[in-house]
């Protein structure tokens, strides 16, 4: 198995910058890039009743594919890449995926900077940094 850089993708300009940075690292190191998108799991009674679980899951899958396709277009052809999407709590899914693939690092774009425990980080970034099984790099 090759060394894997896990890059989180949410479609924001910051996450696209994180992909661009990962591409530079992969060019010089030969790392494999795994693009990961996480869709929130919505299990409200209202959403299930009005939309339906199956239809809601299909919509989330379509959105994930669109976002991952945006990211895929930024990765050069000579770089090993794979894409994956997961459903759940974003920070937990990122850490679980990093652990599962034994990533050597996680690269995330930073946005929505809010004050969390005295730090200027978003809550997802803060949670990933605290719980990740590997180093985390933030790109702004």
C-alpha atoms as a PDB file:
ATOM      1  CA  UNK A   1       0.000   0.000   0.000  1.00  0.00           C
ATOM      2  CA  UNK A   2       1.319   3.447  -0.881  1.00  0.00           C
ATOM      3  CA  UNK A   3       1.416   6.434   1.422  1.00  0.00           C
ATOM      4  CA  UNK A   4      -1.956   8.188   1.382  1.00  0.00           C
ATOM      5  CA  UNK A   5      -2.733  11.850   1.894  1.00  0.00           C
ATOM      6  CA  UNK A   6      -6.379  12.208   2.872  1.00  0.00           C
ATOM      7  CA  UNK A   7      -7.817  15.458   1.522  1.00  0.00           C
ATOM      8  CA  UNK A   8     -11.230  16.579   2.675  1.00  0.00           C
ATOM      9  CA  UNK A   9     -13.455  18.149   0.031  1.00  0.00           C
ATOM     10  CA  UNK A  10     -16.627  20.147   0.585  1.00  0.00           C
ATOM     11  CA  UNK A  11     -16.684  22.213  -2.602  1.00  0.00           C
ATOM     12  CA  UNK A  12     -15.519  25.408  -0.900  1.00  0.00           C
ATOM     13  CA  UNK A  13     -12.665  27.467  -2.356  1.00  0.00           C
ATOM     14  CA  UNK A  14     -10.607  26.550   0.711  1.00  0.00           C
ATOM     15  CA  UNK A  15     -11.042  22.820   0.156  1.00  0.00           C
ATOM     16  CA  UNK A  16     -10.060  23.251  -3.496  1.00  0.00           C
ATOM     17  CA  UNK A  17      -6.891  25.043  -2.336  1.00  0.00           C
ATOM     18  CA  UNK A  18      -6.204  22.068  -0.047  1.00  0.00           C
ATOM     19  CA  UNK A  19      -6.421  19.775  -3.084  1.00  0.00           C
ATOM     20  CA  UNK A  20      -4.010  22.001  -5.013  1.00  0.00           C
ATOM     21  CA  UNK A  21      -1.523  21.825  -2.146  1.00  0.00           C
ATOM     22  CA  UNK A  22      -1.873  18.045  -1.899  1.00  0.00           C
ATOM     23  CA  UNK A  23      -1.175  17.780  -5.632  1.00  0.00           C
ATOM     24  CA  UNK A  24       2.102  19.674  -5.156  1.00  0.00           C
ATOM     25  CA  UNK A  25       3.082  17.307  -2.346  1.00  0.00           C
ATOM     26  CA  UNK A  26       2.113  14.247  -4.388  1.00  0.00           C
ATOM     27  CA  UNK A  27       4.229  15.427  -7.334  1.00  0.00           C
ATOM     28  CA  UNK A  28       7.350  15.590  -5.207  1.00  0.00           C
ATOM     29  CA  UNK A  29       6.692  12.586  -2.966  1.00  0.00           C
ATOM     30  CA  UNK A  30       4.695  10.097  -5.000  1.00  0.00           C
ATOM     31  CA  UNK A  31       1.940   9.976  -2.378  1.00  0.00           C
ATOM     32  CA  UNK A  32      -1.538   8.794  -3.308  1.00  0.00           C
ATOM     33  CA  UNK A  33      -4.277  11.361  -2.797  1.00  0.00           C
ATOM     34  CA  UNK A  34      -7.612  10.246  -1.428  1.00  0.00           C
ATOM     35  CA  UNK A  35     -10.355  12.823  -1.793  1.00  0.00           C
ATOM     36  CA  UNK A  36     -12.995  12.412   0.898  1.00  0.00           C
ATOM     37  CA  UNK A  37     -16.371  14.101   1.077  1.00  0.00           C
ATOM     38  CA  UNK A  38     -18.704  13.650   4.034  1.00  0.00           C
ATOM     39  CA  UNK A  39     -22.432  14.244   3.820  1.00  0.00           C
ATOM     40  CA  UNK A  40     -24.244  14.920   7.083  1.00  0.00           C
ATOM     41  CA  UNK A  41     -26.591  12.226   8.193  1.00  0.00           C
ATOM     42  CA  UNK A  42     -30.076  13.681   8.568  1.00  0.00           C
ATOM     43  CA  UNK A  43     -32.465  11.348  10.274  1.00  0.00           C
ATOM     44  CA  UNK A  44     -35.284  13.638  11.253  1.00  0.00           C
ATOM     45  CA  UNK A  45     -38.806  12.312  11.218  1.00  0.00           C
ATOM     46  CA  UNK A  46     -39.916  15.247   9.034  1.00  0.00           C
ATOM     47  CA  UNK A  47     -37.234  14.684   6.380  1.00  0.00           C
ATOM     48  CA  UNK A  48     -37.892  10.960   6.261  1.00  0.00           C
ATOM     49  CA  UNK A  49     -41.660  11.476   6.025  1.00  0.00           C
ATOM     50  CA  UNK A  50     -41.675  14.288   3.449  1.00  0.00           C
ATOM     51  CA  UNK A  51     -38.796  13.165   1.263  1.00  0.00           C
ATOM     52  CA  UNK A  52     -38.241   9.527   2.129  1.00  0.00           C
ATOM     53  CA  UNK A  53     -35.054   7.885   3.391  1.00  0.00           C
ATOM     54  CA  UNK A  54     -34.148   6.321   0.064  1.00  0.00           C
ATOM     55  CA  UNK A  55     -34.686   9.535  -1.906  1.00  0.00           C
ATOM     56  CA  UNK A  56     -32.755  11.582   0.666  1.00  0.00           C
ATOM     57  CA  UNK A  57     -29.830   9.159   0.519  1.00  0.00           C
ATOM     58  CA  UNK A  58     -29.856   9.259  -3.283  1.00  0.00           C
ATOM     59  CA  UNK A  59     -29.797  13.072  -3.222  1.00  0.00           C
ATOM     60  CA  UNK A  60     -26.840  13.060  -0.809  1.00  0.00           C
ATOM     61  CA  UNK A  61     -25.000  10.600  -3.046  1.00  0.00           C
ATOM     62  CA  UNK A  62     -25.578  12.813  -6.114  1.00  0.00           C
ATOM     63  CA  UNK A  63     -24.313  15.884  -4.245  1.00  0.00           C
ATOM     64  CA  UNK A  64     -21.242  13.999  -3.015  1.00  0.00           C
ATOM     65  CA  UNK A  65     -20.422  12.865  -6.543  1.00  0.00           C
ATOM     66  CA  UNK A  66     -20.720  16.452  -7.866  1.00  0.00           C
ATOM     67  CA  UNK A  67     -18.380  17.764  -5.180  1.00  0.00           C
ATOM     68  CA  UNK A  68     -15.857  14.952  -5.657  1.00  0.00           C
ATOM     69  CA  UNK A  69     -15.903  15.524  -9.424  1.00  0.00           C
ATOM     70  CA  UNK A  70     -14.944  19.175  -8.803  1.00  0.00           C
ATOM     71  CA  UNK A  71     -12.001  17.944  -6.765  1.00  0.00           C
ATOM     72  CA  UNK A  72     -11.054  15.188  -9.199  1.00  0.00           C
ATOM     73  CA  UNK A  73     -10.632  17.758 -11.995  1.00  0.00           C
ATOM     74  CA  UNK A  74      -7.894  19.495  -9.989  1.00  0.00           C
ATOM     75  CA  UNK A  75      -5.689  16.399  -9.686  1.00  0.00           C
ATOM     76  CA  UNK A  76      -3.160  15.861 -12.466  1.00  0.00           C
ATOM     77  CA  UNK A  77      -3.340  12.629 -14.459  1.00  0.00           C
ATOM     78  CA  UNK A  78       0.050  11.338 -13.314  1.00  0.00           C
ATOM     79  CA  UNK A  79      -0.964  11.294  -9.641  1.00  0.00           C
ATOM     80  CA  UNK A  80      -2.461   8.250  -7.973  1.00  0.00           C
ATOM     81  CA  UNK A  81      -5.876   9.226  -6.711  1.00  0.00           C
ATOM     82  CA  UNK A  82      -8.987   7.693  -5.286  1.00  0.00           C
ATOM     83  CA  UNK A  83     -12.246   9.237  -4.168  1.00  0.00           C
ATOM     84  CA  UNK A  84     -14.700   8.308  -1.459  1.00  0.00           C
ATOM     85  CA  UNK A  85     -17.743   9.713   0.222  1.00  0.00           C
ATOM     86  CA  UNK A  86     -19.161   8.866   3.604  1.00  0.00           C
ATOM     87  CA  UNK A  87     -22.328   9.644   5.489  1.00  0.00           C
ATOM     88  CA  UNK A  88     -22.193  10.773   9.114  1.00  0.00           C
ATOM     89  CA  UNK A  89     -20.642  13.289  11.482  1.00  0.00           C
ATOM     90  CA  UNK A  90     -17.957  15.023   9.428  1.00  0.00           C
ATOM     91  CA  UNK A  91     -15.070  15.075  11.904  1.00  0.00           C
ATOM     92  CA  UNK A  92     -15.681  11.500  13.032  1.00  0.00           C
ATOM     93  CA  UNK A  93     -15.880  10.189   9.467  1.00  0.00           C
ATOM     94  CA  UNK A  94     -12.663  11.988   8.490  1.00  0.00           C
ATOM     95  CA  UNK A  95     -10.770  10.492  11.431  1.00  0.00           C
ATOM     96  CA  UNK A  96     -12.252   7.033  10.851  1.00  0.00           C
ATOM     97  CA  UNK A  97     -11.278   7.093   7.164  1.00  0.00           C
ATOM     98  CA  UNK A  98      -7.750   8.288   7.982  1.00  0.00           C
ATOM     99  CA  UNK A  99      -7.406   5.432  10.433  1.00  0.00           C
ATOM    100  CA  UNK A 100      -8.878   2.873   8.030  1.00  0.00           C
ATOM    101  CA  UNK A 101      -6.515   3.739   5.147  1.00  0.00           C
ATOM    102  CA  UNK A 102      -3.569   4.425   7.478  1.00  0.00           C
ATOM    103  CA  UNK A 103      -3.175   7.922   6.026  1.00  0.00           C
ATOM    104  CA  UNK A 104       0.132   9.639   6.615  1.00  0.00           C
ATOM    105  CA  UNK A 105      -1.691  12.953   6.889  1.00  0.00           C
ATOM    106  CA  UNK A 106      -4.966  14.811   6.523  1.00  0.00           C
ATOM    107  CA  UNK A 107      -5.160  18.047   4.549  1.00  0.00           C
ATOM    108  CA  UNK A 108      -8.170  20.294   5.145  1.00  0.00           C
ATOM    109  CA  UNK A 109      -9.247  23.701   3.917  1.00  0.00           C
ATOM    110  CA  UNK A 110     -10.093  26.122   6.723  1.00  0.00           C
ATOM    111  CA  UNK A 111     -13.245  28.212   6.490  1.00  0.00           C
ATOM    112  CA  UNK A 112     -15.879  29.755   8.739  1.00  0.00           C
ATOM    113  CA  UNK A 113     -13.329  30.730  11.308  1.00  0.00           C
ATOM    114  CA  UNK A 114     -15.091  30.957  14.646  1.00  0.00           C
ATOM    115  CA  UNK A 115     -13.753  31.083  18.153  1.00  0.00           C
ATOM    116  CA  UNK A 116     -13.681  27.577  19.584  1.00  0.00           C
ATOM    117  CA  UNK A 117     -12.063  27.038  22.964  1.00  0.00           C
ATOM    118  CA  UNK A 118      -9.933  30.132  22.507  1.00  0.00           C
ATOM    119  CA  UNK A 119      -8.705  29.168  19.056  1.00  0.00           C
ATOM    120  CA  UNK A 120      -9.678  30.579  15.703  1.00  0.00           C
ATOM    121  CA  UNK A 121     -10.717  27.325  14.040  1.00  0.00           C
ATOM    122  CA  UNK A 122     -13.957  25.838  12.874  1.00  0.00           C
ATOM    123  CA  UNK A 123     -15.407  23.132  15.062  1.00  0.00           C
ATOM    124  CA  UNK A 124     -14.839  20.409  12.446  1.00  0.00           C
ATOM    125  CA  UNK A 125     -11.156  21.304  12.079  1.00  0.00           C
ATOM    126  CA  UNK A 126     -10.732  21.496  15.830  1.00  0.00           C
ATOM    127  CA  UNK A 127     -12.325  18.087  16.330  1.00  0.00           C
ATOM    128  CA  UNK A 128     -10.232  16.485  13.576  1.00  0.00           C
ATOM    129  CA  UNK A 129      -7.013  17.919  15.011  1.00  0.00           C
ATOM    130  CA  UNK A 130      -7.871  16.552  18.465  1.00  0.00           C
ATOM    131  CA  UNK A 131      -8.907  13.078  17.272  1.00  0.00           C
ATOM    132  CA  UNK A 132      -6.936  12.339  14.100  1.00  0.00           C
ATOM    133  CA  UNK A 133      -4.689   9.264  14.030  1.00  0.00           C
ATOM    134  CA  UNK A 134      -2.134  11.193  11.945  1.00  0.00           C
ATOM    135  CA  UNK A 135      -0.843  14.749  11.428  1.00  0.00           C
ATOM    136  CA  UNK A 136      -3.332  17.337  10.141  1.00  0.00           C
ATOM    137  CA  UNK A 137      -2.448  20.212   7.831  1.00  0.00           C
ATOM    138  CA  UNK A 138      -4.791  23.183   7.467  1.00  0.00           C
ATOM    139  CA  UNK A 139      -4.827  25.250   4.291  1.00  0.00           C
ATOM    140  CA  UNK A 140      -6.430  28.691   4.194  1.00  0.00           C
END
